[in-house]
């Protein structure tokens, strides 16, 4: 393999690992707060799945792939990641169904407690990821053409601003719509929107925090691997790097 192929292999591996890990750990939720509400009386908290922590990495890698290999390859990488995530889900289901040995250091109950993610959570996560990634790829390409290849942070941050909003809304509605809460009430539209909004703010803050990494990625790809970004004027027509 040449340098470009080796680099793409590493990027693909990190992309798939981030996606699969996010889905596996996604059944745990964390919360910060409560804080005083800036919109009046009451309080609010930041509550979201820990699975959202690796997701900004996948969007960062998609932007780099889009920048150097084109949007067709970025879309193919997204589809590949979805297939691998589905494969991981099938293997976990098979592992849960295998009879447990009497001497197993991990009991069936403990194993299920960790890996018994709901089908709805998995579907919500992957559906939101797929749609968010496709929006990110298209927005990144458009912004690259509009800025004529300048201002990396504009296309990286701008595409994330749009794609993370789509991702947060979709995962929150698919996961929570019509579900019964611990207090016996049905999740309201307001609660779903609040969850989506706080999750979006948190994901966007993480995306902003790792924006310098896209500059680092550019430096590594250009200096260590000798790659150059695809030209901005061909952003809509170039399909893949030879």
Protein backbone atom coordinates (compact mmCIF):
# COMPACT_ATOMS: atom_id res chain seq x y z
CA UNK A 1 0.00 0.00 0.00
CA UNK A 2 1.12 3.56 -0.65
CA UNK A 3 1.01 6.27 2.00
CA UNK A 4 -2.48 7.45 1.07
CA UNK A 5 -3.91 3.94 1.33
CA UNK A 6 -2.22 3.27 4.68
CA UNK A 7 -3.49 6.55 6.07
CA UNK A 8 -7.03 5.83 4.90
CA UNK A 9 -6.83 2.43 6.60
CA UNK A 10 -5.89 4.06 9.92
CA UNK A 11 -8.59 6.71 9.59
CA UNK A 12 -11.22 4.08 8.75
CA UNK A 13 -10.20 1.98 11.76
CA UNK A 14 -10.49 4.92 14.13
CA UNK A 15 -13.82 5.92 12.57
CA UNK A 16 -15.37 2.46 12.99
CA UNK A 17 -13.95 2.07 16.52
CA UNK A 18 -15.42 5.41 17.62
CA UNK A 19 -18.83 4.52 16.19
CA UNK A 20 -19.00 1.00 17.65
CA UNK A 21 -17.74 2.11 21.07
CA UNK A 22 -20.32 4.91 21.14
CA UNK A 23 -23.11 2.42 20.48
CA UNK A 24 -21.85 -0.08 23.07
CA UNK A 25 -21.52 2.45 25.91
CA UNK A 26 -24.63 4.41 24.90
CA UNK A 27 -26.98 2.80 27.43
CA UNK A 28 -25.41 4.80 30.27
CA UNK A 29 -26.64 8.37 30.75
CA UNK A 30 -24.86 11.16 32.61
CA UNK A 31 -26.14 14.45 33.97
CA UNK A 32 -24.75 17.83 34.98
CA UNK A 33 -26.89 20.11 37.10
CA UNK A 34 -29.44 21.15 38.02
CA UNK A 35 -28.80 24.77 37.18
CA UNK A 36 -31.02 27.81 37.43
CA UNK A 37 -33.02 28.22 34.24
CA UNK A 38 -32.06 31.30 32.17
CA UNK A 39 -35.61 31.38 30.78
CA UNK A 40 -37.50 31.96 34.00
CA UNK A 41 -38.35 29.95 37.08
CA UNK A 42 -37.31 26.35 37.49
CA UNK A 43 -34.10 24.47 36.85
CA UNK A 44 -32.54 22.57 33.99
CA UNK A 45 -29.87 19.90 33.66
CA UNK A 46 -27.59 18.64 30.92
CA UNK A 47 -28.49 14.99 30.48
CA UNK A 48 -27.31 12.74 27.68
CA UNK A 49 -25.94 9.34 26.79
CA UNK A 50 -22.19 8.83 27.26
CA UNK A 51 -22.31 7.39 23.77
CA UNK A 52 -22.36 10.90 22.38
CA UNK A 53 -18.79 11.51 23.59
CA UNK A 54 -17.04 9.58 20.77
CA UNK A 55 -19.47 10.77 18.08
CA UNK A 56 -17.75 14.15 17.43
CA UNK A 57 -14.64 12.16 16.52
CA UNK A 58 -16.54 10.45 13.70
CA UNK A 59 -17.63 13.82 12.31
CA UNK A 60 -14.07 15.13 12.54
CA UNK A 61 -12.77 12.12 10.61
CA UNK A 62 -15.54 12.44 8.03
CA UNK A 63 -14.47 16.05 7.42
CA UNK A 64 -10.86 14.99 6.89
CA UNK A 65 -11.87 12.20 4.51
CA UNK A 66 -14.11 14.63 2.64
CA UNK A 67 -11.25 17.11 2.42
CA UNK A 68 -8.66 14.70 1.02
CA UNK A 69 -10.59 11.86 -0.66
CA UNK A 70 -13.88 13.49 -1.67
CA UNK A 71 -17.49 13.29 -0.58
CA UNK A 72 -18.16 9.99 -2.38
CA UNK A 73 -15.51 8.25 -0.28
CA UNK A 74 -16.82 10.00 2.86
CA UNK A 75 -20.30 8.61 2.14
CA UNK A 76 -18.85 5.15 1.54
CA UNK A 77 -17.01 5.33 4.86
CA UNK A 78 -20.28 6.25 6.61
CA UNK A 79 -22.06 3.26 5.06
CA UNK A 80 -19.16 0.99 5.98
CA UNK A 81 -19.32 2.19 9.59
CA UNK A 82 -23.07 1.52 9.74
CA UNK A 83 -22.57 -2.01 8.44
CA UNK A 84 -19.86 -2.69 11.03
CA UNK A 85 -22.03 -1.26 13.82
CA UNK A 86 -24.89 -3.53 12.74
CA UNK A 87 -22.49 -6.49 12.72
CA UNK A 88 -21.37 -5.63 16.26
CA UNK A 89 -25.01 -5.48 17.36
CA UNK A 90 -25.70 -8.95 15.89
CA UNK A 91 -22.62 -10.44 17.56
CA UNK A 92 -23.62 -8.96 20.94
CA UNK A 93 -27.11 -10.45 20.57
CA UNK A 94 -25.60 -13.86 19.76
CA UNK A 95 -23.19 -13.60 22.73
CA UNK A 96 -26.08 -12.81 25.07
CA UNK A 97 -27.97 -15.86 23.84
CA UNK A 98 -25.11 -18.31 24.41
CA UNK A 99 -25.53 -20.51 27.53
CA UNK A 100 -23.37 -19.30 30.38
CA UNK A 101 -20.87 -21.69 31.98
CA UNK A 102 -21.11 -22.36 35.71
CA UNK A 103 -17.51 -21.13 36.19
CA UNK A 104 -17.90 -18.00 34.07
CA UNK A 105 -16.35 -15.00 35.86
CA UNK A 106 -19.19 -12.85 34.50
CA UNK A 107 -22.75 -13.98 35.20
CA UNK A 108 -25.50 -13.77 32.61
CA UNK A 109 -27.24 -11.07 34.67
CA UNK A 110 -24.13 -8.87 34.78
CA UNK A 111 -23.41 -9.45 31.10
CA UNK A 112 -26.96 -8.50 30.17
CA UNK A 113 -26.87 -5.47 32.45
CA UNK A 114 -23.99 -4.08 30.38
CA UNK A 115 -24.87 -5.23 26.87
CA UNK A 116 -28.68 -5.48 26.91
CA UNK A 117 -29.15 -2.23 25.03
CA UNK A 118 -32.63 -1.74 23.70
CA UNK A 119 -33.31 -2.13 20.00
CA UNK A 120 -34.90 1.30 20.02
CA UNK A 121 -31.77 2.94 21.43
CA UNK A 122 -29.60 1.28 18.82
CA UNK A 123 -31.93 2.18 15.96
CA UNK A 124 -32.21 5.77 17.19
CA UNK A 125 -28.45 6.09 17.47
CA UNK A 126 -27.61 4.66 14.06
CA UNK A 127 -30.44 6.45 12.26
CA UNK A 128 -29.41 9.80 13.70
CA UNK A 129 -25.77 9.07 12.96
CA UNK A 130 -26.43 8.16 9.32
CA UNK A 131 -28.58 11.23 8.63
CA UNK A 132 -26.22 13.54 10.55
CA UNK A 133 -23.20 12.24 8.66
CA UNK A 134 -24.82 12.70 5.26
CA UNK A 135 -25.83 16.26 6.18
CA UNK A 136 -22.31 16.94 7.47
CA UNK A 137 -20.72 15.69 4.23
CA UNK A 138 -22.96 17.83 2.05
CA UNK A 139 -22.61 20.95 4.22
CA UNK A 140 -18.82 20.57 4.41
CA UNK A 141 -18.56 20.27 0.61
CA UNK A 142 -20.81 23.27 0.06
CA UNK A 143 -18.92 25.45 2.55
CA UNK A 144 -15.59 24.44 1.03
CA UNK A 145 -16.81 25.57 -2.38
CA UNK A 146 -18.28 28.82 -1.01
CA UNK A 147 -15.07 29.71 0.88
CA UNK A 148 -12.91 28.52 -2.06
CA UNK A 149 -10.95 26.17 0.14
CA UNK A 150 -10.03 28.78 2.75
CA UNK A 151 -10.91 28.97 6.43
CA UNK A 152 -10.85 25.32 7.46
CA UNK A 153 -12.57 26.13 10.72
CA UNK A 154 -15.56 27.65 8.88
CA UNK A 155 -16.43 24.50 6.95
CA UNK A 156 -15.55 22.18 9.85
CA UNK A 157 -17.55 24.15 12.43
CA UNK A 158 -20.35 25.14 10.06
CA UNK A 159 -21.01 21.59 8.90
CA UNK A 160 -20.95 20.39 12.51
CA UNK A 161 -23.36 23.15 13.55
CA UNK A 162 -25.95 21.83 11.09
CA UNK A 163 -25.31 18.08 11.31
CA UNK A 164 -25.27 17.91 15.11
CA UNK A 165 -28.63 19.69 15.24
CA UNK A 166 -30.10 17.06 12.91
CA UNK A 167 -28.44 14.26 14.88
CA UNK A 168 -29.65 15.53 18.28
CA UNK A 169 -33.23 16.08 17.16
CA UNK A 170 -33.54 12.73 15.44
CA UNK A 171 -32.00 10.59 18.18
CA UNK A 172 -34.09 12.31 20.87
CA UNK A 173 -37.40 11.94 19.02
CA UNK A 174 -36.81 8.34 17.87
CA UNK A 175 -35.67 7.28 21.33
CA UNK A 176 -38.15 9.18 23.52
CA UNK A 177 -41.33 9.70 21.48
CA UNK A 178 -44.21 7.85 23.13
CA UNK A 179 -42.04 6.34 25.88
CA UNK A 180 -43.16 6.13 29.51
CA UNK A 181 -40.91 7.88 32.01
CA UNK A 182 -40.00 6.60 35.47
CA UNK A 183 -42.77 8.80 36.95
CA UNK A 184 -45.38 7.08 34.78
CA UNK A 185 -45.89 10.01 32.41
CA UNK A 186 -45.42 9.96 28.65
CA UNK A 187 -42.41 11.95 27.45
CA UNK A 188 -43.68 15.33 26.30
CA UNK A 189 -42.54 17.16 23.19
CA UNK A 190 -41.09 19.87 25.43
CA UNK A 191 -38.97 17.35 27.33
CA UNK A 192 -37.76 15.79 24.09
CA UNK A 193 -36.82 19.19 22.69
CA UNK A 194 -35.05 20.13 25.93
CA UNK A 195 -33.08 16.87 25.85
CA UNK A 196 -32.19 17.46 22.19
CA UNK A 197 -31.18 21.07 22.88
CA UNK A 198 -28.93 20.33 25.85
CA UNK A 199 -27.39 17.39 24.00
CA UNK A 200 -26.80 19.58 20.96
CA UNK A 201 -25.10 22.28 23.01
CA UNK A 202 -22.85 19.72 24.67
CA UNK A 203 -21.95 17.98 21.41
CA UNK A 204 -21.29 21.27 19.69
CA UNK A 205 -19.01 22.38 22.54
CA UNK A 206 -17.07 19.14 22.21
CA UNK A 207 -16.86 19.65 18.44
CA UNK A 208 -15.51 23.18 18.98
CA UNK A 209 -12.99 21.91 21.51
CA UNK A 210 -11.58 19.38 19.05
CA UNK A 211 -11.57 21.79 16.07
CA UNK A 212 -7.80 22.28 16.45
CA UNK A 213 -7.46 18.58 15.73
CA UNK A 214 -8.62 19.11 12.16
CA UNK A 215 -5.69 21.49 11.70
CA UNK A 216 -3.43 18.87 13.25
CA UNK A 217 -4.92 16.30 10.89
CA UNK A 218 -4.21 18.57 7.93
CA UNK A 219 -0.62 18.98 9.04
CA UNK A 220 -0.10 15.23 9.49
CA UNK A 221 -1.65 14.39 6.13
CA UNK A 222 0.33 16.99 4.23
CA UNK A 223 3.74 16.77 5.94
CA UNK A 224 3.92 13.09 6.88
CA UNK A 225 1.89 11.53 4.08
CA UNK A 226 2.35 14.06 1.29
CA UNK A 227 -1.38 14.50 0.59
CA UNK A 228 -2.97 17.71 -0.65
CA UNK A 229 -6.64 18.69 -0.20
CA UNK A 230 -8.92 18.23 -3.17
CA UNK A 231 -9.43 21.58 -4.94
CA UNK A 232 -12.38 23.67 -3.80
CA UNK A 233 -13.54 24.39 -7.34
CA UNK A 234 -13.97 20.66 -7.86
CA UNK A 235 -15.69 20.04 -4.52
CA UNK A 236 -19.00 19.11 -6.13
CA UNK A 237 -17.54 17.09 -9.01
CA UNK A 238 -14.48 15.23 -7.74
CA UNK A 239 -15.64 11.81 -6.64
CA UNK A 240 -12.51 10.21 -5.22
CA UNK A 241 -8.74 10.46 -5.04
CA UNK A 242 -6.99 8.24 -7.59
